[in-house]
Amino acid sequence: MSTVDLASFVRDIPDFPQPGILFRDITPLLADAAALNAAVEGLSAIARPLGVDMVIAAEARGFVLGPALARELGAGFVLARKPGKLPHATTSAEYALEYGTDALEVHTDAITPGSRVLVHDDLLATGGTAGALCHLVEQLGGEVVACGFLIELAGLHGRAALEPRPVHALLTYGAE
């Protein structure tokens, strides 16, 4: 495993996207080859023992590390997109936002029954997006073997929303 200090590549942006929010910006991490490699290595080291067949991630930021993680694990990658973006038959799951709801869709043939699936996203906050991904996997007969994140905002209790599924994060920050 790499000795790169991933946290040193996460930039704090106060009051983005609205006042009172401290945004954790991973673009410096993505721009640095060693940090990017360390992030993919760290995530894959957690998931490798799980025997993952597929990695599923939501657009857009989940798409950044998700395919690299899937490649590292020798697994397939499933796109979960906003409604109306996928060209084939889809199934969907809604999830709560701070104000209102949103939804994600996957192709109905993206996950075969019995597939061992890692749910991935760059950030775990309240667990809404990851919970929707878990629902999609389970709706299609897959097994969520774990949820893996680059960053967890522990103070928002997203981990509890995903129970009883195992949750792993490379970086954890307290309440914001």
N, C-alpha and C. Protein backbone atom coordinates (compact mmCIF):
# COMPACT_ATOMS: atom_id res chain seq x y z
N MET A 1 0.85 -1.18 0.00
CA MET A 1 0.00 0.00 0.00
C MET A 1 0.89 1.24 0.00
N SER A 2 0.43 2.27 -0.64
CA SER A 2 1.17 3.51 -0.78
C SER A 2 1.22 4.27 0.55
N THR A 3 2.21 5.13 0.67
CA THR A 3 2.33 5.97 1.86
C THR A 3 1.90 7.41 1.59
N VAL A 4 1.21 7.64 0.50
CA VAL A 4 0.72 8.97 0.16
C VAL A 4 -0.33 9.40 1.18
N ASP A 5 -0.19 10.62 1.70
CA ASP A 5 -1.17 11.19 2.64
C ASP A 5 -2.34 11.75 1.83
N LEU A 6 -3.36 10.94 1.62
CA LEU A 6 -4.50 11.35 0.78
C LEU A 6 -5.18 12.59 1.31
N ALA A 7 -5.29 12.72 2.62
CA ALA A 7 -5.98 13.88 3.20
C ALA A 7 -5.32 15.19 2.80
N SER A 8 -4.02 15.17 2.58
CA SER A 8 -3.33 16.40 2.20
C SER A 8 -3.71 16.86 0.78
N PHE A 9 -4.37 16.00 0.02
CA PHE A 9 -4.80 16.34 -1.33
C PHE A 9 -6.28 16.69 -1.41
N VAL A 10 -6.96 16.71 -0.28
CA VAL A 10 -8.37 17.10 -0.24
C VAL A 10 -8.43 18.56 0.21
N ARG A 11 -9.00 19.38 -0.64
CA ARG A 11 -9.07 20.82 -0.39
C ARG A 11 -10.43 21.17 0.23
N ASP A 12 -10.41 21.95 1.29
CA ASP A 12 -11.65 22.41 1.92
C ASP A 12 -12.10 23.71 1.27
N ILE A 13 -13.37 23.73 0.85
CA ILE A 13 -13.95 24.92 0.24
C ILE A 13 -15.14 25.34 1.12
N PRO A 14 -14.97 26.40 1.94
CA PRO A 14 -16.08 26.83 2.79
C PRO A 14 -17.21 27.47 1.98
N ASP A 15 -18.42 27.29 2.48
CA ASP A 15 -19.62 27.92 1.91
C ASP A 15 -19.89 27.54 0.46
N PHE A 16 -19.59 26.29 0.11
CA PHE A 16 -19.90 25.79 -1.23
C PHE A 16 -20.63 24.47 -1.09
N PRO A 17 -21.71 24.26 -1.76
CA PRO A 17 -22.38 25.10 -2.76
C PRO A 17 -23.31 26.14 -2.18
N GLN A 18 -23.40 26.18 -0.83
CA GLN A 18 -24.23 27.19 -0.18
C GLN A 18 -23.60 27.54 1.17
N PRO A 19 -23.97 28.68 1.74
CA PRO A 19 -23.40 29.08 3.02
C PRO A 19 -23.59 28.01 4.10
N GLY A 20 -22.53 27.80 4.88
CA GLY A 20 -22.57 26.84 5.96
C GLY A 20 -22.09 25.45 5.60
N ILE A 21 -21.87 25.19 4.33
CA ILE A 21 -21.39 23.88 3.88
C ILE A 21 -19.87 23.95 3.69
N LEU A 22 -19.16 22.95 4.20
CA LEU A 22 -17.72 22.83 3.95
C LEU A 22 -17.55 21.70 2.94
N PHE A 23 -17.23 22.07 1.71
CA PHE A 23 -17.12 21.12 0.61
C PHE A 23 -15.73 20.49 0.60
N ARG A 24 -15.67 19.18 0.48
CA ARG A 24 -14.40 18.45 0.39
C ARG A 24 -14.10 18.22 -1.09
N ASP A 25 -13.17 18.98 -1.62
CA ASP A 25 -12.82 18.97 -3.04
C ASP A 25 -11.70 17.96 -3.30
N ILE A 26 -11.99 16.94 -4.11
CA ILE A 26 -10.99 15.92 -4.41
C ILE A 26 -10.24 16.17 -5.71
N THR A 27 -10.49 17.30 -6.38
CA THR A 27 -9.81 17.52 -7.66
C THR A 27 -8.28 17.59 -7.52
N PRO A 28 -7.71 18.12 -6.42
CA PRO A 28 -6.25 18.05 -6.29
C PRO A 28 -5.75 16.60 -6.21
N LEU A 29 -6.49 15.74 -5.54
CA LEU A 29 -6.12 14.33 -5.44
C LEU A 29 -6.15 13.68 -6.83
N LEU A 30 -7.19 13.98 -7.61
CA LEU A 30 -7.31 13.41 -8.94
C LEU A 30 -6.21 13.90 -9.88
N ALA A 31 -5.74 15.12 -9.66
CA ALA A 31 -4.73 15.72 -10.53
C ALA A 31 -3.32 15.21 -10.25
N ASP A 32 -3.12 14.58 -9.11
CA ASP A 32 -1.80 14.09 -8.73
C ASP A 32 -1.74 12.58 -8.99
N ALA A 33 -0.83 12.15 -9.87
CA ALA A 33 -0.77 10.74 -10.26
C ALA A 33 -0.55 9.81 -9.07
N ALA A 34 0.33 10.18 -8.17
CA ALA A 34 0.62 9.32 -7.01
C ALA A 34 -0.59 9.24 -6.07
N ALA A 35 -1.26 10.37 -5.86
CA ALA A 35 -2.43 10.37 -4.97
C ALA A 35 -3.59 9.60 -5.60
N LEU A 36 -3.80 9.79 -6.89
CA LEU A 36 -4.85 9.05 -7.59
C LEU A 36 -4.59 7.55 -7.51
N ASN A 37 -3.36 7.16 -7.76
CA ASN A 37 -2.99 5.75 -7.67
C ASN A 37 -3.20 5.21 -6.25
N ALA A 38 -2.80 5.99 -5.26
CA ALA A 38 -2.96 5.56 -3.87
C ALA A 38 -4.44 5.40 -3.50
N ALA A 39 -5.29 6.28 -4.01
CA ALA A 39 -6.72 6.18 -3.73
C ALA A 39 -7.30 4.90 -4.33
N VAL A 40 -6.97 4.62 -5.58
CA VAL A 40 -7.47 3.40 -6.24
C VAL A 40 -6.90 2.16 -5.55
N GLU A 41 -5.61 2.19 -5.21
CA GLU A 41 -5.01 1.06 -4.48
C GLU A 41 -5.68 0.84 -3.13
N GLY A 42 -5.92 1.92 -2.40
CA GLY A 42 -6.53 1.81 -1.08
C GLY A 42 -7.94 1.25 -1.16
N LEU A 43 -8.72 1.74 -2.09
CA LEU A 43 -10.09 1.24 -2.25
C LEU A 43 -10.10 -0.22 -2.69
N SER A 44 -9.20 -0.57 -3.60
CA SER A 44 -9.18 -1.96 -4.08
C SER A 44 -8.65 -2.91 -3.01
N ALA A 45 -7.75 -2.46 -2.15
CA ALA A 45 -7.25 -3.32 -1.07
C ALA A 45 -8.38 -3.70 -0.11
N ILE A 46 -9.30 -2.78 0.12
CA ILE A 46 -10.45 -3.05 0.98
C ILE A 46 -11.39 -4.06 0.30
N ALA A 47 -11.61 -3.89 -1.00
CA ALA A 47 -12.62 -4.69 -1.72
C ALA A 47 -12.10 -6.02 -2.23
N ARG A 48 -10.81 -6.14 -2.46
CA ARG A 48 -10.26 -7.35 -3.09
C ARG A 48 -10.67 -8.64 -2.37
N PRO A 49 -10.62 -8.72 -1.03
CA PRO A 49 -10.99 -9.96 -0.35
C PRO A 49 -12.48 -10.32 -0.46
N LEU A 50 -13.29 -9.41 -0.96
CA LEU A 50 -14.73 -9.62 -1.00
C LEU A 50 -15.22 -10.40 -2.22
N GLY A 51 -14.33 -10.66 -3.18
CA GLY A 51 -14.74 -11.40 -4.37
C GLY A 51 -15.79 -10.67 -5.19
N VAL A 52 -15.52 -9.42 -5.50
CA VAL A 52 -16.46 -8.55 -6.19
C VAL A 52 -16.55 -8.92 -7.68
N ASP A 53 -17.79 -9.07 -8.17
CA ASP A 53 -18.04 -9.28 -9.60
C ASP A 53 -18.27 -7.97 -10.33
N MET A 54 -18.91 -7.02 -9.64
CA MET A 54 -19.29 -5.74 -10.25
C MET A 54 -19.06 -4.61 -9.26
N VAL A 55 -18.77 -3.44 -9.81
CA VAL A 55 -18.74 -2.20 -9.04
C VAL A 55 -19.83 -1.33 -9.63
N ILE A 56 -20.67 -0.77 -8.78
CA ILE A 56 -21.70 0.17 -9.24
C ILE A 56 -21.42 1.53 -8.63
N ALA A 57 -21.60 2.58 -9.44
CA ALA A 57 -21.40 3.94 -8.96
C ALA A 57 -22.36 4.88 -9.68
N ALA A 58 -22.69 5.97 -9.00
CA ALA A 58 -23.62 6.96 -9.54
C ALA A 58 -22.87 8.10 -10.21
N GLU A 59 -23.50 8.64 -11.24
CA GLU A 59 -22.90 9.82 -11.86
C GLU A 59 -22.98 10.98 -10.90
N ALA A 60 -22.14 11.89 -10.91
CA ALA A 60 -21.01 11.99 -11.80
C ALA A 60 -19.71 11.64 -11.08
N ARG A 61 -19.59 12.01 -9.83
CA ARG A 61 -18.30 11.81 -9.19
C ARG A 61 -17.99 10.35 -8.93
N GLY A 62 -18.99 9.50 -8.78
CA GLY A 62 -18.73 8.07 -8.62
C GLY A 62 -18.09 7.47 -9.85
N PHE A 63 -18.31 8.12 -11.00
CA PHE A 63 -17.72 7.64 -12.25
C PHE A 63 -16.22 7.92 -12.32
N VAL A 64 -15.72 8.80 -11.47
CA VAL A 64 -14.31 9.17 -11.53
C VAL A 64 -13.40 8.02 -11.09
N LEU A 65 -13.67 7.44 -9.93
CA LEU A 65 -12.84 6.36 -9.41
C LEU A 65 -13.44 4.98 -9.65
N GLY A 66 -14.74 4.90 -9.85
CA GLY A 66 -15.42 3.61 -9.99
C GLY A 66 -14.86 2.70 -11.07
N PRO A 67 -14.70 3.17 -12.30
CA PRO A 67 -14.16 2.29 -13.34
C PRO A 67 -12.71 1.86 -13.07
N ALA A 68 -11.90 2.76 -12.51
CA ALA A 68 -10.52 2.39 -12.18
C ALA A 68 -10.51 1.33 -11.09
N LEU A 69 -11.40 1.46 -10.12
CA LEU A 69 -11.52 0.48 -9.05
C LEU A 69 -11.97 -0.86 -9.62
N ALA A 70 -12.97 -0.85 -10.49
CA ALA A 70 -13.44 -2.09 -11.11
C ALA A 70 -12.32 -2.77 -11.89
N ARG A 71 -11.57 -2.00 -12.64
CA ARG A 71 -10.45 -2.56 -13.41
C ARG A 71 -9.43 -3.21 -12.49
N GLU A 72 -9.11 -2.53 -11.42
CA GLU A 72 -8.13 -3.04 -10.45
C GLU A 72 -8.61 -4.35 -9.81
N LEU A 73 -9.92 -4.49 -9.65
CA LEU A 73 -10.49 -5.68 -9.03
C LEU A 73 -10.79 -6.80 -10.03
N GLY A 74 -10.62 -6.52 -11.33
CA GLY A 74 -10.98 -7.49 -12.34
C GLY A 74 -12.49 -7.69 -12.41
N ALA A 75 -13.24 -6.63 -12.12
CA ALA A 75 -14.70 -6.67 -12.07
C ALA A 75 -15.28 -5.80 -13.18
N GLY A 76 -16.57 -5.97 -13.43
CA GLY A 76 -17.28 -5.10 -14.35
C GLY A 76 -17.71 -3.82 -13.64
N PHE A 77 -18.16 -2.85 -14.44
CA PHE A 77 -18.61 -1.58 -13.89
C PHE A 77 -20.02 -1.28 -14.37
N VAL A 78 -20.89 -0.88 -13.45
CA VAL A 78 -22.28 -0.55 -13.76
C VAL A 78 -22.50 0.94 -13.57
N LEU A 79 -23.05 1.57 -14.60
CA LEU A 79 -23.39 2.99 -14.56
C LEU A 79 -24.77 3.17 -13.94
N ALA A 80 -24.88 3.98 -12.92
CA ALA A 80 -26.17 4.40 -12.38
C ALA A 80 -26.31 5.88 -12.74
N ARG A 81 -27.34 6.18 -13.53
CA ARG A 81 -27.48 7.53 -14.07
C ARG A 81 -28.79 8.17 -13.67
N LYS A 82 -28.86 9.46 -13.88
CA LYS A 82 -30.11 10.20 -13.67
C LYS A 82 -31.14 9.69 -14.67
N PRO A 83 -32.42 9.80 -14.34
CA PRO A 83 -33.47 9.28 -15.23
C PRO A 83 -33.38 9.84 -16.65
N GLY A 84 -33.63 8.94 -17.60
CA GLY A 84 -33.66 9.33 -19.01
C GLY A 84 -32.32 9.35 -19.72
N LYS A 85 -31.25 8.98 -19.06
CA LYS A 85 -29.91 9.05 -19.66
C LYS A 85 -29.42 7.72 -20.24
N LEU A 86 -30.06 6.62 -19.89
CA LEU A 86 -29.63 5.31 -20.37
C LEU A 86 -30.52 4.86 -21.52
N PRO A 87 -29.94 4.24 -22.57
CA PRO A 87 -30.71 3.96 -23.78
C PRO A 87 -31.54 2.67 -23.79
N HIS A 88 -31.33 1.79 -22.83
CA HIS A 88 -32.01 0.49 -22.82
C HIS A 88 -33.03 0.47 -21.69
N ALA A 89 -33.76 -0.61 -21.54
CA ALA A 89 -34.74 -0.76 -20.46
C ALA A 89 -34.06 -0.55 -19.11
N THR A 90 -34.71 0.21 -18.23
CA THR A 90 -34.11 0.55 -16.93
C THR A 90 -35.04 0.24 -15.77
N THR A 91 -34.44 0.20 -14.60
CA THR A 91 -35.16 0.18 -13.34
C THR A 91 -34.61 1.34 -12.52
N SER A 92 -35.42 1.88 -11.61
CA SER A 92 -34.97 3.08 -10.89
C SER A 92 -35.20 2.96 -9.40
N ALA A 93 -34.52 3.83 -8.68
CA ALA A 93 -34.68 3.96 -7.23
C ALA A 93 -34.62 5.44 -6.89
N GLU A 94 -35.58 5.90 -6.08
CA GLU A 94 -35.59 7.28 -5.61
C GLU A 94 -34.85 7.38 -4.28
N TYR A 95 -34.34 8.56 -4.01
CA TYR A 95 -33.69 8.82 -2.72
C TYR A 95 -33.93 10.25 -2.32
N ALA A 96 -33.85 10.49 -1.02
CA ALA A 96 -34.15 11.81 -0.47
C ALA A 96 -32.96 12.74 -0.59
N LEU A 97 -33.27 13.97 -0.92
CA LEU A 97 -32.31 15.07 -0.89
C LEU A 97 -32.69 15.99 0.26
N GLU A 98 -31.88 17.00 0.52
CA GLU A 98 -32.21 17.93 1.59
C GLU A 98 -33.59 18.55 1.35
N TYR A 99 -33.86 18.88 0.08
CA TYR A 99 -35.16 19.43 -0.30
C TYR A 99 -35.67 18.65 -1.50
N GLY A 100 -36.54 17.66 -1.26
CA GLY A 100 -37.12 16.90 -2.35
C GLY A 100 -36.48 15.54 -2.52
N THR A 101 -36.60 15.00 -3.73
CA THR A 101 -36.06 13.68 -4.04
C THR A 101 -35.34 13.70 -5.37
N ASP A 102 -34.57 12.66 -5.61
CA ASP A 102 -33.93 12.46 -6.90
C ASP A 102 -34.03 10.97 -7.19
N ALA A 103 -33.54 10.54 -8.32
CA ALA A 103 -33.60 9.13 -8.68
C ALA A 103 -32.39 8.74 -9.49
N LEU A 104 -32.08 7.45 -9.45
CA LEU A 104 -31.03 6.86 -10.27
C LEU A 104 -31.62 5.68 -11.02
N GLU A 105 -31.07 5.41 -12.19
CA GLU A 105 -31.50 4.29 -13.01
C GLU A 105 -30.31 3.46 -13.44
N VAL A 106 -30.56 2.16 -13.63
CA VAL A 106 -29.58 1.26 -14.24
C VAL A 106 -30.32 0.43 -15.28
N HIS A 107 -29.57 -0.10 -16.22
CA HIS A 107 -30.16 -1.03 -17.18
C HIS A 107 -30.65 -2.26 -16.42
N THR A 108 -31.78 -2.81 -16.85
CA THR A 108 -32.35 -3.97 -16.17
C THR A 108 -31.47 -5.21 -16.28
N ASP A 109 -30.57 -5.22 -17.26
CA ASP A 109 -29.67 -6.38 -17.42
C ASP A 109 -28.25 -6.09 -16.94
N ALA A 110 -28.06 -5.01 -16.18
CA ALA A 110 -26.72 -4.61 -15.75
C ALA A 110 -26.15 -5.52 -14.68
N ILE A 111 -27.02 -6.08 -13.87
CA ILE A 111 -26.58 -6.92 -12.74
C ILE A 111 -27.35 -8.23 -12.82
N THR A 112 -26.62 -9.32 -12.87
CA THR A 112 -27.28 -10.62 -12.92
C THR A 112 -27.51 -11.12 -11.49
N PRO A 113 -28.61 -11.87 -11.29
CA PRO A 113 -28.88 -12.40 -9.95
C PRO A 113 -27.68 -13.18 -9.41
N GLY A 114 -27.37 -12.94 -8.15
CA GLY A 114 -26.25 -13.61 -7.50
C GLY A 114 -24.92 -12.88 -7.63
N SER A 115 -24.86 -11.83 -8.45
CA SER A 115 -23.62 -11.06 -8.59
C SER A 115 -23.24 -10.42 -7.26
N ARG A 116 -21.94 -10.44 -6.98
CA ARG A 116 -21.40 -9.81 -5.77
C ARG A 116 -20.97 -8.40 -6.16
N VAL A 117 -21.63 -7.40 -5.57
CA VAL A 117 -21.50 -6.02 -6.03
C VAL A 117 -20.95 -5.12 -4.92
N LEU A 118 -19.97 -4.30 -5.29
CA LEU A 118 -19.44 -3.25 -4.43
C LEU A 118 -20.12 -1.94 -4.84
N VAL A 119 -20.78 -1.29 -3.90
CA VAL A 119 -21.34 0.03 -4.13
C VAL A 119 -20.24 1.04 -3.85
N HIS A 120 -19.99 1.93 -4.80
CA HIS A 120 -18.89 2.90 -4.65
C HIS A 120 -19.39 4.32 -4.90
N ASP A 121 -18.85 5.25 -4.14
CA ASP A 121 -19.01 6.67 -4.42
C ASP A 121 -17.81 7.39 -3.84
N ASP A 122 -17.60 8.62 -4.27
CA ASP A 122 -16.46 9.37 -3.76
C ASP A 122 -16.70 9.80 -2.32
N LEU A 123 -17.97 10.02 -1.94
CA LEU A 123 -18.27 10.60 -0.64
C LEU A 123 -19.52 9.98 -0.04
N LEU A 124 -19.45 9.64 1.24
CA LEU A 124 -20.61 9.21 2.00
C LEU A 124 -21.01 10.34 2.93
N ALA A 125 -22.21 10.88 2.70
CA ALA A 125 -22.73 11.92 3.58
C ALA A 125 -23.92 11.33 4.34
N THR A 126 -25.13 11.55 3.86
CA THR A 126 -26.32 11.03 4.56
C THR A 126 -26.66 9.60 4.16
N GLY A 127 -26.06 9.10 3.10
CA GLY A 127 -26.31 7.73 2.66
C GLY A 127 -27.41 7.59 1.63
N GLY A 128 -28.02 8.68 1.21
CA GLY A 128 -29.13 8.61 0.26
C GLY A 128 -28.75 8.02 -1.09
N THR A 129 -27.69 8.52 -1.68
CA THR A 129 -27.26 8.02 -2.99
C THR A 129 -26.82 6.56 -2.89
N ALA A 130 -25.99 6.26 -1.92
CA ALA A 130 -25.51 4.88 -1.77
C ALA A 130 -26.66 3.93 -1.44
N GLY A 131 -27.62 4.40 -0.65
CA GLY A 131 -28.78 3.59 -0.34
C GLY A 131 -29.58 3.26 -1.59
N ALA A 132 -29.73 4.23 -2.48
CA ALA A 132 -30.42 4.00 -3.75
C ALA A 132 -29.66 2.99 -4.60
N LEU A 133 -28.34 3.08 -4.61
CA LEU A 133 -27.53 2.11 -5.35
C LEU A 133 -27.72 0.71 -4.78
N CYS A 134 -27.72 0.60 -3.46
CA CYS A 134 -27.95 -0.71 -2.82
C CYS A 134 -29.31 -1.26 -3.23
N HIS A 135 -30.32 -0.41 -3.22
CA HIS A 135 -31.67 -0.84 -3.60
C HIS A 135 -31.69 -1.35 -5.04
N LEU A 136 -31.02 -0.65 -5.94
CA LEU A 136 -30.98 -1.08 -7.34
C LEU A 136 -30.32 -2.45 -7.48
N VAL A 137 -29.19 -2.63 -6.80
CA VAL A 137 -28.48 -3.91 -6.85
C VAL A 137 -29.39 -5.03 -6.35
N GLU A 138 -29.99 -4.81 -5.20
CA GLU A 138 -30.83 -5.84 -4.58
C GLU A 138 -32.11 -6.09 -5.38
N GLN A 139 -32.65 -5.05 -5.99
CA GLN A 139 -33.84 -5.17 -6.84
C GLN A 139 -33.56 -6.08 -8.03
N LEU A 140 -32.33 -6.07 -8.53
CA LEU A 140 -31.95 -6.89 -9.68
C LEU A 140 -31.40 -8.25 -9.26
N GLY A 141 -31.41 -8.56 -7.98
CA GLY A 141 -30.99 -9.87 -7.50
C GLY A 141 -29.52 -9.98 -7.16
N GLY A 142 -28.81 -8.85 -7.16
CA GLY A 142 -27.41 -8.87 -6.78
C GLY A 142 -27.26 -8.80 -5.26
N GLU A 143 -26.06 -9.09 -4.80
CA GLU A 143 -25.73 -9.02 -3.38
C GLU A 143 -24.75 -7.87 -3.15
N VAL A 144 -25.12 -6.92 -2.32
CA VAL A 144 -24.21 -5.84 -1.95
C VAL A 144 -23.24 -6.41 -0.92
N VAL A 145 -21.98 -6.59 -1.32
CA VAL A 145 -21.00 -7.16 -0.38
C VAL A 145 -20.38 -6.09 0.50
N ALA A 146 -20.41 -4.84 0.05
CA ALA A 146 -19.90 -3.72 0.85
C ALA A 146 -20.17 -2.42 0.10
N CYS A 147 -20.03 -1.33 0.83
CA CYS A 147 -20.08 0.01 0.26
C CYS A 147 -18.72 0.65 0.54
N GLY A 148 -18.07 1.18 -0.49
CA GLY A 148 -16.74 1.75 -0.34
C GLY A 148 -16.69 3.19 -0.82
N PHE A 149 -16.05 4.03 -0.03
CA PHE A 149 -16.00 5.46 -0.31
C PHE A 149 -14.58 5.99 -0.14
N LEU A 150 -14.26 7.01 -0.87
CA LEU A 150 -13.01 7.72 -0.65
C LEU A 150 -13.11 8.50 0.66
N ILE A 151 -14.24 9.21 0.85
CA ILE A 151 -14.43 10.08 2.02
C ILE A 151 -15.76 9.76 2.70
N GLU A 152 -15.73 9.74 4.03
CA GLU A 152 -16.96 9.64 4.82
C GLU A 152 -17.06 10.87 5.71
N LEU A 153 -18.21 11.52 5.68
CA LEU A 153 -18.51 12.61 6.61
C LEU A 153 -19.29 11.99 7.77
N ALA A 154 -18.58 11.53 8.77
CA ALA A 154 -19.16 10.72 9.83
C ALA A 154 -20.28 11.42 10.59
N GLY A 155 -20.20 12.72 10.72
CA GLY A 155 -21.22 13.46 11.46
C GLY A 155 -22.58 13.45 10.82
N LEU A 156 -22.67 13.03 9.56
CA LEU A 156 -23.97 13.01 8.87
C LEU A 156 -24.63 11.64 8.92
N HIS A 157 -23.96 10.67 9.54
CA HIS A 157 -24.54 9.35 9.87
C HIS A 157 -24.99 8.52 8.67
N GLY A 158 -24.34 8.68 7.54
CA GLY A 158 -24.68 7.88 6.36
C GLY A 158 -24.43 6.40 6.56
N ARG A 159 -23.44 6.07 7.34
CA ARG A 159 -23.11 4.67 7.63
C ARG A 159 -24.32 3.95 8.23
N ALA A 160 -25.00 4.61 9.15
CA ALA A 160 -26.17 4.01 9.79
C ALA A 160 -27.30 3.77 8.79
N ALA A 161 -27.42 4.66 7.80
CA ALA A 161 -28.47 4.51 6.78
C ALA A 161 -28.22 3.30 5.88
N LEU A 162 -26.99 2.81 5.84
CA LEU A 162 -26.65 1.69 4.97
C LEU A 162 -26.62 0.35 5.70
N GLU A 163 -26.83 0.36 7.01
CA GLU A 163 -26.80 -0.89 7.77
C GLU A 163 -27.84 -1.86 7.23
N PRO A 164 -27.57 -3.14 7.24
CA PRO A 164 -26.46 -3.85 7.88
C PRO A 164 -25.27 -4.07 6.95
N ARG A 165 -25.24 -3.39 5.82
CA ARG A 165 -24.16 -3.59 4.86
C ARG A 165 -22.85 -3.04 5.41
N PRO A 166 -21.73 -3.72 5.16
CA PRO A 166 -20.42 -3.19 5.58
C PRO A 166 -20.09 -1.90 4.83
N VAL A 167 -19.53 -0.94 5.53
CA VAL A 167 -19.15 0.35 4.95
C VAL A 167 -17.67 0.59 5.24
N HIS A 168 -16.94 1.01 4.18
CA HIS A 168 -15.50 1.29 4.31
C HIS A 168 -15.22 2.66 3.67
N ALA A 169 -14.34 3.42 4.28
CA ALA A 169 -13.90 4.70 3.72
C ALA A 169 -12.41 4.87 3.98
N LEU A 170 -11.73 5.46 3.00
CA LEU A 170 -10.30 5.72 3.17
C LEU A 170 -10.04 6.91 4.08
N LEU A 171 -10.90 7.91 4.01
CA LEU A 171 -10.75 9.13 4.83
C LEU A 171 -12.06 9.39 5.55
N THR A 172 -11.97 9.76 6.82
CA THR A 172 -13.17 10.06 7.60
C THR A 172 -13.00 11.44 8.23
N TYR A 173 -14.05 12.26 8.06
CA TYR A 173 -14.08 13.58 8.66
C TYR A 173 -15.26 13.62 9.63
N GLY A 174 -15.15 14.41 10.69
CA GLY A 174 -16.22 14.52 11.68
C GLY A 174 -17.37 15.38 11.17
N ALA A 175 -18.24 15.76 12.08
CA ALA A 175 -19.39 16.60 11.72
C ALA A 175 -18.91 17.95 11.21
N GLU A 176 -19.61 18.42 10.21
CA GLU A 176 -19.22 19.71 9.60
C GLU A 176 -20.11 20.79 10.11
